[in-house]
Amino acid sequence: MCTVLRPLCVVLAVASVLGCACVAGCGNEPPGPLVGTWEDLSTAEMDSSGMSMTYTFGRDGTLDITWQRPLLPDTVLTADFVVQWDSVLTLSDDRGTEQFIAHVAGDTLTLRSEDGAIQHYARQTD
């Protein structure tokens, strides 16, 4: 059930299965390790056109997905997020809700979709 977050689902669909792992402590708050900006490694590796996708998780529970393309303005989609039971990441917007298993290890974020596809992201530093 992919919605406005469809680009994330499309990218996730090309990956393999990942085992369950933890992101942070229990609760329904945006966890510290997830907060920040992450670059989608599949667009960095597969796209020679200069397109990139970043995912910025805010402390306020918002997620901005940004497509950066040469010669075109950036496109930004916004959703809300929450992490439950240490690793279940739920993304919601006005079109629906999606869930992923999330794992942060150092500067790498790994997401596994409901259908088992995985995607890796690298933390961006300023």
PDB file of N, CA and C in Angstrom:
ATOM      1  N   MET A   1       0.842  -1.165   0.000  1.00  0.00           N
ATOM      2  CA  MET A   1       0.000   0.000   0.000  1.00  0.00           C
ATOM      3  C   MET A   1       0.892   1.234   0.000  1.00  0.00           C
ATOM      4  N   CYS A   2       1.477   1.570  -1.127  1.00  0.00           N
ATOM      5  CA  CYS A   2       2.334   2.731  -1.225  1.00  0.00           C
ATOM      6  C   CYS A   2       1.516   3.949  -1.622  1.00  0.00           C
ATOM      7  N   THR A   3       1.844   5.092  -1.026  1.00  0.00           N
ATOM      8  CA  THR A   3       1.103   6.333  -1.233  1.00  0.00           C
ATOM      9  C   THR A   3       2.070   7.382  -1.732  1.00  0.00           C
ATOM     10  N   VAL A   4       2.021   8.565  -1.131  1.00  0.00           N
ATOM     11  CA  VAL A   4       2.932   9.630  -1.506  1.00  0.00           C
ATOM     12  C   VAL A   4       4.376   9.200  -1.264  1.00  0.00           C
ATOM     13  N   LEU A   5       4.557   8.197  -0.442  1.00  0.00           N
ATOM     14  CA  LEU A   5       5.884   7.682  -0.154  1.00  0.00           C
ATOM     15  C   LEU A   5       6.306   6.635  -1.173  1.00  0.00           C
ATOM     16  N   ARG A   6       5.587   6.544  -2.285  1.00  0.00           N
ATOM     17  CA  ARG A   6       5.833   5.552  -3.325  1.00  0.00           C
ATOM     18  C   ARG A   6       7.289   5.484  -3.768  1.00  0.00           C
ATOM     19  N   PRO A   7       7.999   6.615  -3.930  1.00  0.00           N
ATOM     20  CA  PRO A   7       9.405   6.488  -4.336  1.00  0.00           C
ATOM     21  C   PRO A   7      10.210   5.650  -3.351  1.00  0.00           C
ATOM     22  N   LEU A   8       9.923   5.775  -2.080  1.00  0.00           N
ATOM     23  CA  LEU A   8      10.605   4.958  -1.097  1.00  0.00           C
ATOM     24  C   LEU A   8      10.257   3.489  -1.317  1.00  0.00           C
ATOM     25  N   CYS A   9       8.987   3.201  -1.595  1.00  0.00           N
ATOM     26  CA  CYS A   9       8.563   1.816  -1.832  1.00  0.00           C
ATOM     27  C   CYS A   9       9.201   1.253  -3.090  1.00  0.00           C
ATOM     28  N   VAL A  10       9.271   2.058  -4.146  1.00  0.00           N
ATOM     29  CA  VAL A  10       9.854   1.600  -5.402  1.00  0.00           C
ATOM     30  C   VAL A  10      11.318   1.242  -5.188  1.00  0.00           C
ATOM     31  N   VAL A  11      12.035   2.101  -4.477  1.00  0.00           N
ATOM     32  CA  VAL A  11      13.441   1.833  -4.219  1.00  0.00           C
ATOM     33  C   VAL A  11      13.581   0.603  -3.336  1.00  0.00           C
ATOM     34  N   LEU A  12      12.718   0.476  -2.343  1.00  0.00           N
ATOM     35  CA  LEU A  12      12.779  -0.670  -1.445  1.00  0.00           C
ATOM     36  C   LEU A  12      12.482  -1.976  -2.180  1.00  0.00           C
ATOM     37  N   ALA A  13      11.663  -1.921  -3.210  1.00  0.00           N
ATOM     38  CA  ALA A  13      11.242  -3.124  -3.914  1.00  0.00           C
ATOM     39  C   ALA A  13      12.388  -3.824  -4.633  1.00  0.00           C
ATOM     40  N   VAL A  14      13.488  -3.131  -4.892  1.00  0.00           N
ATOM     41  CA  VAL A  14      14.595  -3.747  -5.618  1.00  0.00           C
ATOM     42  C   VAL A  14      15.613  -4.420  -4.706  1.00  0.00           C
ATOM     43  N   ALA A  15      15.400  -4.382  -3.416  1.00  0.00           N
ATOM     44  CA  ALA A  15      16.380  -4.944  -2.480  1.00  0.00           C
ATOM     45  C   ALA A  15      15.947  -6.320  -1.969  1.00  0.00           C
ATOM     46  N   SER A  16      16.739  -6.919  -1.091  1.00  0.00           N
ATOM     47  CA  SER A  16      16.484  -8.256  -0.540  1.00  0.00           C
ATOM     48  C   SER A  16      15.917  -8.182   0.864  1.00  0.00           C
ATOM     49  N   VAL A  17      15.835  -9.338   1.516  1.00  0.00           N
ATOM     50  CA  VAL A  17      15.249  -9.429   2.854  1.00  0.00           C
ATOM     51  C   VAL A  17      16.304  -9.121   3.925  1.00  0.00           C
ATOM     52  N   LEU A  18      15.864  -8.416   4.962  1.00  0.00           N
ATOM     53  CA  LEU A  18      16.736  -8.090   6.092  1.00  0.00           C
ATOM     54  C   LEU A  18      16.110  -8.605   7.376  1.00  0.00           C
ATOM     55  N   GLY A  19      16.924  -9.096   8.283  1.00  0.00           N
ATOM     56  CA  GLY A  19      16.420  -9.540   9.583  1.00  0.00           C
ATOM     57  C   GLY A  19      16.020  -8.365  10.449  1.00  0.00           C
ATOM     58  N   CYS A  20      15.227  -8.620  11.454  1.00  0.00           N
ATOM     59  CA  CYS A  20      14.734  -7.611  12.390  1.00  0.00           C
ATOM     60  C   CYS A  20      15.887  -7.035  13.199  1.00  0.00           C
ATOM     61  N   ALA A  21      15.797  -5.749  13.516  1.00  0.00           N
ATOM     62  CA  ALA A  21      16.803  -5.127  14.367  1.00  0.00           C
ATOM     63  C   ALA A  21      16.210  -3.928  15.080  1.00  0.00           C
ATOM     64  N   CYS A  22      16.983  -3.361  15.966  1.00  0.00           N
ATOM     65  CA  CYS A  22      16.482  -2.256  16.795  1.00  0.00           C
ATOM     66  C   CYS A  22      16.983  -0.917  16.300  1.00  0.00           C
ATOM     67  N   VAL A  23      16.164   0.135  16.539  1.00  0.00           N
ATOM     68  CA  VAL A  23      16.549   1.505  16.233  1.00  0.00           C
ATOM     69  C   VAL A  23      16.902   2.234  17.515  1.00  0.00           C
ATOM     70  N   ALA A  24      16.021   2.210  18.490  1.00  0.00           N
ATOM     71  CA  ALA A  24      16.247   2.942  19.735  1.00  0.00           C
ATOM     72  C   ALA A  24      15.315   2.391  20.793  1.00  0.00           C
ATOM     73  N   GLY A  25      15.147   3.151  21.871  1.00  0.00           N
ATOM     74  CA  GLY A  25      14.312   2.717  22.983  1.00  0.00           C
ATOM     75  C   GLY A  25      12.845   2.606  22.626  1.00  0.00           C
ATOM     76  N   CYS A  26      12.070   2.038  23.558  1.00  0.00           N
ATOM     77  CA  CYS A  26      10.639   1.854  23.362  1.00  0.00           C
ATOM     78  C   CYS A  26       9.918   3.183  23.361  1.00  0.00           C
ATOM     79  N   GLY A  27       8.664   3.152  22.924  1.00  0.00           N
ATOM     80  CA  GLY A  27       7.843   4.343  22.952  1.00  0.00           C
ATOM     81  C   GLY A  27       7.394   4.745  21.579  1.00  0.00           C
ATOM     82  N   ASN A  28       6.670   5.848  21.537  1.00  0.00           N
ATOM     83  CA  ASN A  28       6.129   6.361  20.290  1.00  0.00           C
ATOM     84  C   ASN A  28       6.711   7.724  19.966  1.00  0.00           C
ATOM     85  N   GLU A  29       7.973   7.922  20.195  1.00  0.00           N
ATOM     86  CA  GLU A  29       8.615   9.192  19.917  1.00  0.00           C
ATOM     87  C   GLU A  29       9.689   8.988  18.857  1.00  0.00           C
ATOM     88  N   PRO A  30       9.967  10.046  18.063  1.00  0.00           N
ATOM     89  CA  PRO A  30      11.067   9.930  17.111  1.00  0.00           C
ATOM     90  C   PRO A  30      12.367   9.663  17.863  1.00  0.00           C
ATOM     91  N   PRO A  31      13.066   8.575  17.551  1.00  0.00           N
ATOM     92  CA  PRO A  31      14.283   8.249  18.282  1.00  0.00           C
ATOM     93  C   PRO A  31      15.461   9.096  17.834  1.00  0.00           C
ATOM     94  N   GLY A  32      16.369   9.360  18.772  1.00  0.00           N
ATOM     95  CA  GLY A  32      17.551  10.144  18.471  1.00  0.00           C
ATOM     96  C   GLY A  32      18.370   9.624  17.306  1.00  0.00           C
ATOM     97  N   PRO A  33      18.674   8.301  17.244  1.00  0.00           N
ATOM     98  CA  PRO A  33      19.525   7.803  16.162  1.00  0.00           C
ATOM     99  C   PRO A  33      18.936   7.995  14.761  1.00  0.00           C
ATOM    100  N   LEU A  34      17.624   8.051  14.646  1.00  0.00           N
ATOM    101  CA  LEU A  34      16.984   8.194  13.342  1.00  0.00           C
ATOM    102  C   LEU A  34      16.955   9.648  12.872  1.00  0.00           C
ATOM    103  N   VAL A  35      16.932  10.580  13.811  1.00  0.00           N
ATOM    104  CA  VAL A  35      16.827  11.997  13.479  1.00  0.00           C
ATOM    105  C   VAL A  35      18.055  12.445  12.701  1.00  0.00           C
ATOM    106  N   GLY A  36      17.810  13.142  11.594  1.00  0.00           N
ATOM    107  CA  GLY A  36      18.887  13.638  10.751  1.00  0.00           C
ATOM    108  C   GLY A  36      18.550  13.415   9.286  1.00  0.00           C
ATOM    109  N   THR A  37      19.517  13.665   8.433  1.00  0.00           N
ATOM    110  CA  THR A  37      19.326  13.532   6.987  1.00  0.00           C
ATOM    111  C   THR A  37      20.101  12.326   6.481  1.00  0.00           C
ATOM    112  N   TRP A  38      19.404  11.516   5.681  1.00  0.00           N
ATOM    113  CA  TRP A  38      19.947  10.271   5.148  1.00  0.00           C
ATOM    114  C   TRP A  38      19.856  10.290   3.632  1.00  0.00           C
ATOM    115  N   GLU A  39      20.942   9.901   2.955  1.00  0.00           N
ATOM    116  CA  GLU A  39      20.934   9.820   1.487  1.00  0.00           C
ATOM    117  C   GLU A  39      20.647   8.389   1.065  1.00  0.00           C
ATOM    118  N   ASP A  40      19.744   8.263   0.119  1.00  0.00           N
ATOM    119  CA  ASP A  40      19.387   6.958  -0.440  1.00  0.00           C
ATOM    120  C   ASP A  40      20.572   6.447  -1.243  1.00  0.00           C
ATOM    121  N   LEU A  41      21.174   5.357  -0.788  1.00  0.00           N
ATOM    122  CA  LEU A  41      22.369   4.838  -1.452  1.00  0.00           C
ATOM    123  C   LEU A  41      22.083   4.256  -2.829  1.00  0.00           C
ATOM    124  N   SER A  42      20.868   3.791  -3.082  1.00  0.00           N
ATOM    125  CA  SER A  42      20.577   3.231  -4.405  1.00  0.00           C
ATOM    126  C   SER A  42      20.578   4.311  -5.472  1.00  0.00           C
ATOM    127  N   THR A  43      20.088   5.514  -5.167  1.00  0.00           N
ATOM    128  CA  THR A  43      20.138   6.578  -6.175  1.00  0.00           C
ATOM    129  C   THR A  43      21.562   7.064  -6.343  1.00  0.00           C
ATOM    130  N   ALA A  44      22.346   7.068  -5.277  1.00  0.00           N
ATOM    131  CA  ALA A  44      23.744   7.491  -5.378  1.00  0.00           C
ATOM    132  C   ALA A  44      24.546   6.525  -6.235  1.00  0.00           C
ATOM    133  N   GLU A  45      24.234   5.223  -6.142  1.00  0.00           N
ATOM    134  CA  GLU A  45      24.994   4.210  -6.882  1.00  0.00           C
ATOM    135  C   GLU A  45      24.492   3.989  -8.301  1.00  0.00           C
ATOM    136  N   MET A  46      23.171   4.081  -8.514  1.00  0.00           N
ATOM    137  CA  MET A  46      22.603   3.688  -9.797  1.00  0.00           C
ATOM    138  C   MET A  46      22.312   4.843 -10.740  1.00  0.00           C
ATOM    139  N   ASP A  47      22.271   6.063 -10.260  1.00  0.00           N
ATOM    140  CA  ASP A  47      21.828   7.167 -11.095  1.00  0.00           C
ATOM    141  C   ASP A  47      22.994   8.057 -11.481  1.00  0.00           C
ATOM    142  N   SER A  48      23.367   8.047 -12.746  1.00  0.00           N
ATOM    143  CA  SER A  48      24.463   8.884 -13.221  1.00  0.00           C
ATOM    144  C   SER A  48      23.980  10.245 -13.690  1.00  0.00           C
ATOM    145  N   SER A  49      22.681  10.519 -13.601  1.00  0.00           N
ATOM    146  CA  SER A  49      22.132  11.798 -14.061  1.00  0.00           C
ATOM    147  C   SER A  49      22.313  12.903 -13.043  1.00  0.00           C
ATOM    148  N   GLY A  50      22.789  12.576 -11.855  1.00  0.00           N
ATOM    149  CA  GLY A  50      22.957  13.581 -10.817  1.00  0.00           C
ATOM    150  C   GLY A  50      21.767  13.699  -9.882  1.00  0.00           C
ATOM    151  N   MET A  51      20.741  12.879 -10.085  1.00  0.00           N
ATOM    152  CA  MET A  51      19.591  12.893  -9.192  1.00  0.00           C
ATOM    153  C   MET A  51      19.978  12.270  -7.859  1.00  0.00           C
ATOM    154  N   SER A  52      19.468  12.838  -6.781  1.00  0.00           N
ATOM    155  CA  SER A  52      19.674  12.220  -5.470  1.00  0.00           C
ATOM    156  C   SER A  52      18.394  12.349  -4.661  1.00  0.00           C
ATOM    157  N   MET A  53      18.243  11.451  -3.711  1.00  0.00           N
ATOM    158  CA  MET A  53      17.081  11.480  -2.822  1.00  0.00           C
ATOM    159  C   MET A  53      17.585  11.478  -1.397  1.00  0.00           C
ATOM    160  N   THR A  54      17.044  12.377  -0.588  1.00  0.00           N
ATOM    161  CA  THR A  54      17.394  12.407   0.826  1.00  0.00           C
ATOM    162  C   THR A  54      16.122  12.330   1.653  1.00  0.00           C
ATOM    163  N   TYR A  55      16.296  11.784   2.849  1.00  0.00           N
ATOM    164  CA  TYR A  55      15.192  11.624   3.790  1.00  0.00           C
ATOM    165  C   TYR A  55      15.621  12.300   5.084  1.00  0.00           C
ATOM    166  N   THR A  56      14.890  13.328   5.492  1.00  0.00           N
ATOM    167  CA  THR A  56      15.232  14.068   6.702  1.00  0.00           C
ATOM    168  C   THR A  56      14.179  13.813   7.773  1.00  0.00           C
ATOM    169  N   PHE A  57      14.591  13.115   8.833  1.00  0.00           N
ATOM    170  CA  PHE A  57      13.727  12.813   9.965  1.00  0.00           C
ATOM    171  C   PHE A  57      13.953  13.888  11.016  1.00  0.00           C
ATOM    172  N   GLY A  58      12.891  14.637  11.359  1.00  0.00           N
ATOM    173  CA  GLY A  58      13.004  15.704  12.343  1.00  0.00           C
ATOM    174  C   GLY A  58      12.651  15.250  13.743  1.00  0.00           C
ATOM    175  N   ARG A  59      13.156  15.964  14.738  1.00  0.00           N
ATOM    176  CA  ARG A  59      12.844  15.658  16.141  1.00  0.00           C
ATOM    177  C   ARG A  59      11.360  15.816  16.438  1.00  0.00           C
ATOM    178  N   ASP A  60      10.658  16.585  15.595  1.00  0.00           N
ATOM    179  CA  ASP A  60       9.224  16.814  15.797  1.00  0.00           C
ATOM    180  C   ASP A  60       8.354  15.714  15.190  1.00  0.00           C
ATOM    181  N   GLY A  61       8.977  14.654  14.643  1.00  0.00           N
ATOM    182  CA  GLY A  61       8.213  13.544  14.075  1.00  0.00           C
ATOM    183  C   GLY A  61       7.799  13.745  12.635  1.00  0.00           C
ATOM    184  N   THR A  62       8.440  14.689  11.927  1.00  0.00           N
ATOM    185  CA  THR A  62       8.145  14.871  10.505  1.00  0.00           C
ATOM    186  C   THR A  62       9.287  14.302   9.663  1.00  0.00           C
ATOM    187  N   LEU A  63       8.926  13.830   8.488  1.00  0.00           N
ATOM    188  CA  LEU A  63       9.881  13.311   7.515  1.00  0.00           C
ATOM    189  C   LEU A  63       9.728  14.106   6.232  1.00  0.00           C
ATOM    190  N   ASP A  64      10.839  14.640   5.724  1.00  0.00           N
ATOM    191  CA  ASP A  64      10.853  15.299   4.418  1.00  0.00           C
ATOM    192  C   ASP A  64      11.654  14.427   3.464  1.00  0.00           C
ATOM    193  N   ILE A  65      11.017  14.020   2.358  1.00  0.00           N
ATOM    194  CA  ILE A  65      11.686  13.268   1.302  1.00  0.00           C
ATOM    195  C   ILE A  65      11.963  14.260   0.183  1.00  0.00           C
ATOM    196  N   THR A  66      13.236  14.429  -0.173  1.00  0.00           N
ATOM    197  CA  THR A  66      13.633  15.446  -1.145  1.00  0.00           C
ATOM    198  C   THR A  66      14.307  14.799  -2.344  1.00  0.00           C
ATOM    199  N   TRP A  67      13.784  15.124  -3.547  1.00  0.00           N
ATOM    200  CA  TRP A  67      14.421  14.718  -4.802  1.00  0.00           C
ATOM    201  C   TRP A  67      15.185  15.929  -5.299  1.00  0.00           C
ATOM    202  N   GLN A  68      16.471  15.762  -5.516  1.00  0.00           N
ATOM    203  CA  GLN A  68      17.313  16.827  -6.040  1.00  0.00           C
ATOM    204  C   GLN A  68      17.757  16.417  -7.433  1.00  0.00           C
ATOM    205  N   ARG A  69      17.386  17.260  -8.428  1.00  0.00           N
ATOM    206  CA  ARG A  69      17.694  16.959  -9.818  1.00  0.00           C
ATOM    207  C   ARG A  69      18.380  18.152 -10.464  1.00  0.00           C
ATOM    208  N   PRO A  70      19.380  17.895 -11.292  1.00  0.00           N
ATOM    209  CA  PRO A  70      20.054  19.000 -11.975  1.00  0.00           C
ATOM    210  C   PRO A  70      19.066  19.783 -12.832  1.00  0.00           C
ATOM    211  N   LEU A  71      19.178  21.082 -12.792  1.00  0.00           N
ATOM    212  CA  LEU A  71      18.409  22.009 -13.626  1.00  0.00           C
ATOM    213  C   LEU A  71      16.908  22.053 -13.312  1.00  0.00           C
ATOM    214  N   LEU A  72      16.457  21.371 -12.292  1.00  0.00           N
ATOM    215  CA  LEU A  72      15.056  21.390 -11.892  1.00  0.00           C
ATOM    216  C   LEU A  72      14.965  21.727 -10.407  1.00  0.00           C
ATOM    217  N   PRO A  73      13.871  22.339 -10.000  1.00  0.00           N
ATOM    218  CA  PRO A  73      13.723  22.620  -8.567  1.00  0.00           C
ATOM    219  C   PRO A  73      13.555  21.322  -7.778  1.00  0.00           C
ATOM    220  N   ASP A  74      13.978  21.362  -6.531  1.00  0.00           N
ATOM    221  CA  ASP A  74      13.813  20.193  -5.665  1.00  0.00           C
ATOM    222  C   ASP A  74      12.337  19.909  -5.456  1.00  0.00           C
ATOM    223  N   THR A  75      11.995  18.647  -5.293  1.00  0.00           N
ATOM    224  CA  THR A  75      10.639  18.217  -4.950  1.00  0.00           C
ATOM    225  C   THR A  75      10.695  17.656  -3.545  1.00  0.00           C
ATOM    226  N   VAL A  76       9.811  18.151  -2.669  1.00  0.00           N
ATOM    227  CA  VAL A  76       9.803  17.703  -1.274  1.00  0.00           C
ATOM    228  C   VAL A  76       8.413  17.191  -0.911  1.00  0.00           C
ATOM    229  N   LEU A  77       8.364  15.988  -0.376  1.00  0.00           N
ATOM    230  CA  LEU A  77       7.135  15.413   0.172  1.00  0.00           C
ATOM    231  C   LEU A  77       7.313  15.310   1.675  1.00  0.00           C
ATOM    232  N   THR A  78       6.232  15.529   2.420  1.00  0.00           N
ATOM    233  CA  THR A  78       6.299  15.511   3.876  1.00  0.00           C
ATOM    234  C   THR A  78       5.336  14.478   4.439  1.00  0.00           C
ATOM    235  N   ALA A  79       5.786  13.786   5.467  1.00  0.00           N
ATOM    236  CA  ALA A  79       4.963  12.799   6.175  1.00  0.00           C
ATOM    237  C   ALA A  79       5.300  12.896   7.660  1.00  0.00           C
ATOM    238  N   ASP A  80       4.497  12.240   8.473  1.00  0.00           N
ATOM    239  CA  ASP A  80       4.789  12.108   9.895  1.00  0.00           C
ATOM    240  C   ASP A  80       5.376  10.725  10.123  1.00  0.00           C
ATOM    241  N   PHE A  81       6.200  10.587  11.163  1.00  0.00           N
ATOM    242  CA  PHE A  81       6.742   9.273  11.481  1.00  0.00           C
ATOM    243  C   PHE A  81       6.747   9.043  12.977  1.00  0.00           C
ATOM    244  N   VAL A  82       6.723   7.778  13.335  1.00  0.00           N
ATOM    245  CA  VAL A  82       6.839   7.352  14.730  1.00  0.00           C
ATOM    246  C   VAL A  82       7.499   5.979  14.734  1.00  0.00           C
ATOM    247  N   VAL A  83       8.278   5.695  15.774  1.00  0.00           N
ATOM    248  CA  VAL A  83       8.904   4.379  15.930  1.00  0.00           C
ATOM    249  C   VAL A  83       8.298   3.724  17.165  1.00  0.00           C
ATOM    250  N   GLN A  84       7.837   2.492  16.993  1.00  0.00           N
ATOM    251  CA  GLN A  84       7.241   1.730  18.086  1.00  0.00           C
ATOM    252  C   GLN A  84       7.994   0.423  18.261  1.00  0.00           C
ATOM    253  N   TRP A  85       7.953  -0.124  19.466  1.00  0.00           N
ATOM    254  CA  TRP A  85       8.560  -1.426  19.763  1.00  0.00           C
ATOM    255  C   TRP A  85       9.995  -1.506  19.274  1.00  0.00           C
ATOM    256  N   ASP A  86      10.743  -0.469  19.470  1.00  0.00           N
ATOM    257  CA  ASP A  86      12.170  -0.384  19.155  1.00  0.00           C
ATOM    258  C   ASP A  86      12.533  -0.304  17.682  1.00  0.00           C
ATOM    259  N   SER A  87      11.707  -0.834  16.770  1.00  0.00           N
ATOM    260  CA  SER A  87      12.160  -0.851  15.383  1.00  0.00           C
ATOM    261  C   SER A  87      11.065  -0.704  14.332  1.00  0.00           C
ATOM    262  N   VAL A  88       9.814  -0.613  14.721  1.00  0.00           N
ATOM    263  CA  VAL A  88       8.737  -0.496  13.732  1.00  0.00           C
ATOM    264  C   VAL A  88       8.535   0.985  13.414  1.00  0.00           C
ATOM    265  N   LEU A  89       8.942   1.367  12.212  1.00  0.00           N
ATOM    266  CA  LEU A  89       8.823   2.744  11.737  1.00  0.00           C
ATOM    267  C   LEU A  89       7.520   2.878  10.958  1.00  0.00           C
ATOM    268  N   THR A  90       6.651   3.782  11.410  1.00  0.00           N
ATOM    269  CA  THR A  90       5.390   4.030  10.722  1.00  0.00           C
ATOM    270  C   THR A  90       5.436   5.415  10.108  1.00  0.00           C
ATOM    271  N   LEU A  91       5.204   5.484   8.791  1.00  0.00           N
ATOM    272  CA  LEU A  91       5.140   6.747   8.064  1.00  0.00           C
ATOM    273  C   LEU A  91       3.696   7.005   7.680  1.00  0.00           C
ATOM    274  N   SER A  92       3.217   8.232   7.908  1.00  0.00           N
ATOM    275  CA  SER A  92       1.815   8.567   7.614  1.00  0.00           C
ATOM    276  C   SER A  92       1.731   9.924   6.947  1.00  0.00           C
ATOM    277  N   ASP A  93       0.820  10.025   5.986  1.00  0.00           N
ATOM    278  CA  ASP A  93       0.460  11.312   5.398  1.00  0.00           C
ATOM    279  C   ASP A  93      -1.032  11.280   5.115  1.00  0.00           C
ATOM    280  N   ASP A  94      -1.532  12.281   4.419  1.00  0.00           N
ATOM    281  CA  ASP A  94      -2.980  12.353   4.175  1.00  0.00           C
ATOM    282  C   ASP A  94      -3.479  11.274   3.223  1.00  0.00           C
ATOM    283  N   ARG A  95      -2.576  10.514   2.613  1.00  0.00           N
ATOM    284  CA  ARG A  95      -2.969   9.449   1.683  1.00  0.00           C
ATOM    285  C   ARG A  95      -2.882   8.046   2.271  1.00  0.00           C
ATOM    286  N   GLY A  96      -2.295   7.916   3.453  1.00  0.00           N
ATOM    287  CA  GLY A  96      -2.212   6.586   4.038  1.00  0.00           C
ATOM    288  C   GLY A  96      -1.032   6.406   4.966  1.00  0.00           C
ATOM    289  N   THR A  97      -0.805   5.152   5.334  1.00  0.00           N
ATOM    290  CA  THR A  97       0.234   4.785   6.295  1.00  0.00           C
ATOM    291  C   THR A  97       1.028   3.598   5.751  1.00  0.00           C
ATOM    292  N   GLU A  98       2.334   3.610   6.017  1.00  0.00           N
ATOM    293  CA  GLU A  98       3.213   2.513   5.642  1.00  0.00           C
ATOM    294  C   GLU A  98       4.098   2.176   6.826  1.00  0.00           C
ATOM    295  N   GLN A  99       4.499   0.905   6.939  1.00  0.00           N
ATOM    296  CA  GLN A  99       5.374   0.495   8.021  1.00  0.00           C
ATOM    297  C   GLN A  99       6.626  -0.185   7.487  1.00  0.00           C
ATOM    298  N   PHE A 100       7.715   0.003   8.237  1.00  0.00           N
ATOM    299  CA  PHE A 100       9.013  -0.571   7.901  1.00  0.00           C
ATOM    300  C   PHE A 100       9.680  -1.028   9.187  1.00  0.00           C
ATOM    301  N   ILE A 101      10.597  -1.965   9.089  1.00  0.00           N
ATOM    302  CA  ILE A 101      11.498  -2.291  10.185  1.00  0.00           C
ATOM    303  C   ILE A 101      12.738  -1.443   9.945  1.00  0.00           C
ATOM    304  N   ALA A 102      13.153  -0.676  10.953  1.00  0.00           N
ATOM    305  CA  ALA A 102      14.279   0.247  10.814  1.00  0.00           C
ATOM    306  C   ALA A 102      15.424  -0.190  11.720  1.00  0.00           C
ATOM    307  N   HIS A 103      16.639   0.005  11.221  1.00  0.00           N
ATOM    308  CA  HIS A 103      17.842  -0.315  11.997  1.00  0.00           C
ATOM    309  C   HIS A 103      18.900   0.734  11.686  1.00  0.00           C
ATOM    310  N   VAL A 104      19.433   1.353  12.731  1.00  0.00           N
ATOM    311  CA  VAL A 104      20.528   2.312  12.576  1.00  0.00           C
ATOM    312  C   VAL A 104      21.776   1.685  13.170  1.00  0.00           C
ATOM    313  N   ALA A 105      22.824   1.594  12.348  1.00  0.00           N
ATOM    314  CA  ALA A 105      24.126   1.103  12.801  1.00  0.00           C
ATOM    315  C   ALA A 105      25.172   2.103  12.341  1.00  0.00           C
ATOM    316  N   GLY A 106      25.685   2.884  13.274  1.00  0.00           N
ATOM    317  CA  GLY A 106      26.650   3.921  12.916  1.00  0.00           C
ATOM    318  C   GLY A 106      26.001   4.948  12.009  1.00  0.00           C
ATOM    319  N   ASP A 107      26.560   5.118  10.831  1.00  0.00           N
ATOM    320  CA  ASP A 107      26.043   6.094   9.867  1.00  0.00           C
ATOM    321  C   ASP A 107      25.221   5.440   8.768  1.00  0.00           C
ATOM    322  N   THR A 108      24.686   4.242   9.024  1.00  0.00           N
ATOM    323  CA  THR A 108      23.864   3.556   8.031  1.00  0.00           C
ATOM    324  C   THR A 108      22.483   3.265   8.602  1.00  0.00           C
ATOM    325  N   LEU A 109      21.466   3.639   7.845  1.00  0.00           N
ATOM    326  CA  LEU A 109      20.076   3.329   8.162  1.00  0.00           C
ATOM    327  C   LEU A 109      19.617   2.268   7.175  1.00  0.00           C
ATOM    328  N   THR A 110      19.026   1.205   7.692  1.00  0.00           N
ATOM    329  CA  THR A 110      18.478   0.157   6.843  1.00  0.00           C
ATOM    330  C   THR A 110      16.990   0.053   7.123  1.00  0.00           C
ATOM    331  N   LEU A 111      16.184   0.063   6.067  1.00  0.00           N
ATOM    332  CA  LEU A 111      14.739  -0.097   6.192  1.00  0.00           C
ATOM    333  C   LEU A 111      14.307  -1.352   5.456  1.00  0.00           C
ATOM    334  N   ARG A 112      13.423  -2.128   6.096  1.00  0.00           N
ATOM    335  CA  ARG A 112      12.834  -3.305   5.458  1.00  0.00           C
ATOM    336  C   ARG A 112      11.337  -3.061   5.345  1.00  0.00           C
ATOM    337  N   SER A 113      10.806  -3.182   4.142  1.00  0.00           N
ATOM    338  CA  SER A 113       9.384  -2.935   3.904  1.00  0.00           C
ATOM    339  C   SER A 113       8.558  -4.147   4.324  1.00  0.00           C
ATOM    340  N   GLU A 114       7.248  -3.984   4.311  1.00  0.00           N
ATOM    341  CA  GLU A 114       6.350  -5.076   4.680  1.00  0.00           C
ATOM    342  C   GLU A 114       6.512  -6.286   3.767  1.00  0.00           C
ATOM    343  N   ASP A 115       6.927  -6.058   2.513  1.00  0.00           N
ATOM    344  CA  ASP A 115       7.115  -7.178   1.587  1.00  0.00           C
ATOM    345  C   ASP A 115       8.534  -7.760   1.645  1.00  0.00           C
ATOM    346  N   GLY A 116       9.360  -7.280   2.581  1.00  0.00           N
ATOM    347  CA  GLY A 116      10.690  -7.837   2.790  1.00  0.00           C
ATOM    348  C   GLY A 116      11.805  -7.166   2.017  1.00  0.00           C
ATOM    349  N   ALA A 117      11.497  -6.188   1.181  1.00  0.00           N
ATOM    350  CA  ALA A 117      12.540  -5.491   0.425  1.00  0.00           C
ATOM    351  C   ALA A 117      13.304  -4.557   1.364  1.00  0.00           C
ATOM    352  N   ILE A 118      14.609  -4.421   1.126  1.00  0.00           N
ATOM    353  CA  ILE A 118      15.420  -3.549   1.979  1.00  0.00           C
ATOM    354  C   ILE A 118      16.066  -2.429   1.181  1.00  0.00           C
ATOM    355  N   GLN A 119      16.400  -1.371   1.907  1.00  0.00           N
ATOM    356  CA  GLN A 119      17.097  -0.241   1.318  1.00  0.00           C
ATOM    357  C   GLN A 119      18.054   0.331   2.354  1.00  0.00           C
ATOM    358  N   HIS A 120      19.206   0.811   1.905  1.00  0.00           N
ATOM    359  CA  HIS A 120      20.215   1.386   2.794  1.00  0.00           C
ATOM    360  C   HIS A 120      20.357   2.875   2.528  1.00  0.00           C
ATOM    361  N   TYR A 121      20.620   3.614   3.606  1.00  0.00           N
ATOM    362  CA  TYR A 121      20.782   5.056   3.551  1.00  0.00           C
ATOM    363  C   TYR A 121      22.036   5.423   4.338  1.00  0.00           C
ATOM    364  N   ALA A 122      22.758   6.431   3.884  1.00  0.00           N
ATOM    365  CA  ALA A 122      23.952   6.915   4.583  1.00  0.00           C
ATOM    366  C   ALA A 122      23.623   8.249   5.234  1.00  0.00           C
ATOM    367  N   ARG A 123      24.038   8.407   6.506  1.00  0.00           N
ATOM    368  CA  ARG A 123      23.808   9.672   7.204  1.00  0.00           C
ATOM    369  C   ARG A 123      24.619  10.767   6.530  1.00  0.00           C
ATOM    370  N   GLN A 124      23.988  11.893   6.278  1.00  0.00           N
ATOM    371  CA  GLN A 124      24.692  13.047   5.727  1.00  0.00           C
ATOM    372  C   GLN A 124      25.189  13.901   6.868  1.00  0.00           C
ATOM    373  N   THR A 125      26.377  14.430   6.705  1.00  0.00           N
ATOM    374  CA  THR A 125      26.921  15.357   7.689  1.00  0.00           C
ATOM    375  C   THR A 125      27.036  16.717   7.034  1.00  0.00           C
ATOM    376  N   ASP A 126      26.901  17.737   7.844  1.00  0.00           N
ATOM    377  CA  ASP A 126      26.968  19.112   7.308  1.00  0.00           C
ATOM    378  C   ASP A 126      28.356  19.549   6.997  1.00  0.00           C
TER     379      ASP A 126
END
